[in-house]
Amino acid sequence: MNSTSDLIIDSLKEEPIGETDHFIWFITDIGIVALFKREPKNEACSSNVENEANKIGLDISKEEKEFFIIREKKLFLFYS
């Protein structure tokens, strides 16, 4: 495991900043994480993640986005 993965996993132990239809949202030392609540069924979740962020007051439209699978958890990481 690398340090990025460790930072993300440690942050998932903290209180989330919000929850939407498909994601639980967390603040990490390196950015914002959108953790999938359940197995994504299609690509729609990827395109809807920005809309869901807006529902909890997050503007991630200008952030870089990366998809990770860490310890069987699927998530997006948003960072500048």
Protein backbone atom coordinates (compact mmCIF):
# COMPACT_ATOMS: atom_id res chain seq x y z
CA MET A 1 0.00 0.00 0.00
CA ASN A 2 1.28 3.49 -0.72
CA SER A 3 1.03 6.69 1.32
CA THR A 4 -1.86 8.06 -0.78
CA SER A 5 -3.92 4.96 -0.10
CA ASP A 6 -3.06 5.09 3.60
CA LEU A 7 -4.14 8.74 3.85
CA ILE A 8 -7.43 7.99 2.12
CA ILE A 9 -8.22 4.91 4.24
CA ASP A 10 -7.41 6.81 7.46
CA SER A 11 -9.74 9.63 6.41
CA LEU A 12 -12.63 7.19 5.89
CA LYS A 13 -12.56 6.56 9.64
CA GLU A 14 -13.50 10.20 10.28
CA GLU A 15 -16.99 11.71 10.25
CA PRO A 16 -18.23 12.21 6.66
CA ILE A 17 -19.05 15.72 5.46
CA GLY A 18 -22.18 14.55 3.67
CA GLU A 19 -24.07 11.78 1.98
CA THR A 20 -25.85 11.66 -1.38
CA ASP A 21 -27.70 9.00 -3.36
CA HIS A 22 -24.60 7.08 -4.44
CA PHE A 23 -21.73 8.44 -2.32
CA ILE A 24 -20.51 9.19 1.17
CA TRP A 25 -18.25 12.26 1.15
CA PHE A 26 -15.07 12.77 3.19
CA ILE A 27 -12.36 15.41 3.56
CA THR A 28 -8.81 14.06 3.39
CA ASP A 29 -5.37 15.65 3.65
CA ILE A 30 -5.08 15.44 -0.14
CA GLY A 31 -8.59 16.29 -1.31
CA ILE A 32 -12.24 15.28 -1.23
CA VAL A 33 -13.27 11.64 -1.45
CA ALA A 34 -16.58 10.34 -2.80
CA LEU A 35 -16.91 6.78 -1.50
CA PHE A 36 -19.39 4.57 -3.37
CA LYS A 37 -22.17 3.39 -1.06
CA ARG A 38 -22.72 0.25 -3.13
CA GLU A 39 -21.38 -1.37 -6.27
CA PRO A 40 -21.74 1.04 -9.21
CA LYS A 41 -24.14 -0.41 -11.79
CA ASN A 42 -23.03 1.69 -14.74
CA GLU A 43 -21.03 4.69 -15.88
CA ALA A 44 -23.83 7.05 -14.81
CA CYS A 45 -22.39 7.26 -11.30
CA SER A 46 -19.18 8.67 -12.71
CA SER A 47 -20.99 11.39 -14.62
CA ASN A 48 -23.41 12.11 -11.74
CA VAL A 49 -20.74 12.56 -9.09
CA GLU A 50 -20.44 16.31 -9.74
CA ASN A 51 -24.23 16.76 -9.55
CA GLU A 52 -24.33 14.87 -6.28
CA ALA A 53 -21.47 17.00 -4.90
CA ASN A 54 -23.50 20.12 -5.66
CA LYS A 55 -26.38 18.73 -3.57
CA ILE A 56 -24.20 18.97 -0.47
CA GLY A 57 -22.66 22.32 -1.40
CA LEU A 58 -19.40 21.14 -2.97
CA ASP A 59 -18.11 22.63 -6.23
CA ILE A 60 -15.68 20.06 -7.61
CA SER A 61 -16.04 21.09 -11.26
CA LYS A 62 -12.46 22.45 -11.48
CA GLU A 63 -10.82 19.67 -9.50
CA GLU A 64 -8.83 16.77 -10.89
CA LYS A 65 -10.66 13.45 -10.51
CA GLU A 66 -9.14 9.99 -10.04
CA PHE A 67 -10.85 6.66 -9.46
CA PHE A 68 -9.35 4.28 -6.89
CA ILE A 69 -10.07 0.83 -5.54
CA ILE A 70 -8.48 0.53 -2.10
CA ARG A 71 -9.16 -2.47 0.10
CA GLU A 72 -12.20 -3.30 -2.03
CA LYS A 73 -13.63 0.21 -1.54
CA LYS A 74 -14.40 2.13 -4.75
CA LEU A 75 -14.04 5.89 -4.65
CA PHE A 76 -13.25 9.08 -6.48
CA LEU A 77 -10.59 11.45 -5.21
CA PHE A 78 -10.92 15.14 -6.13
CA TYR A 79 -7.90 17.42 -5.73
CA SER A 80 -6.30 20.56 -7.15
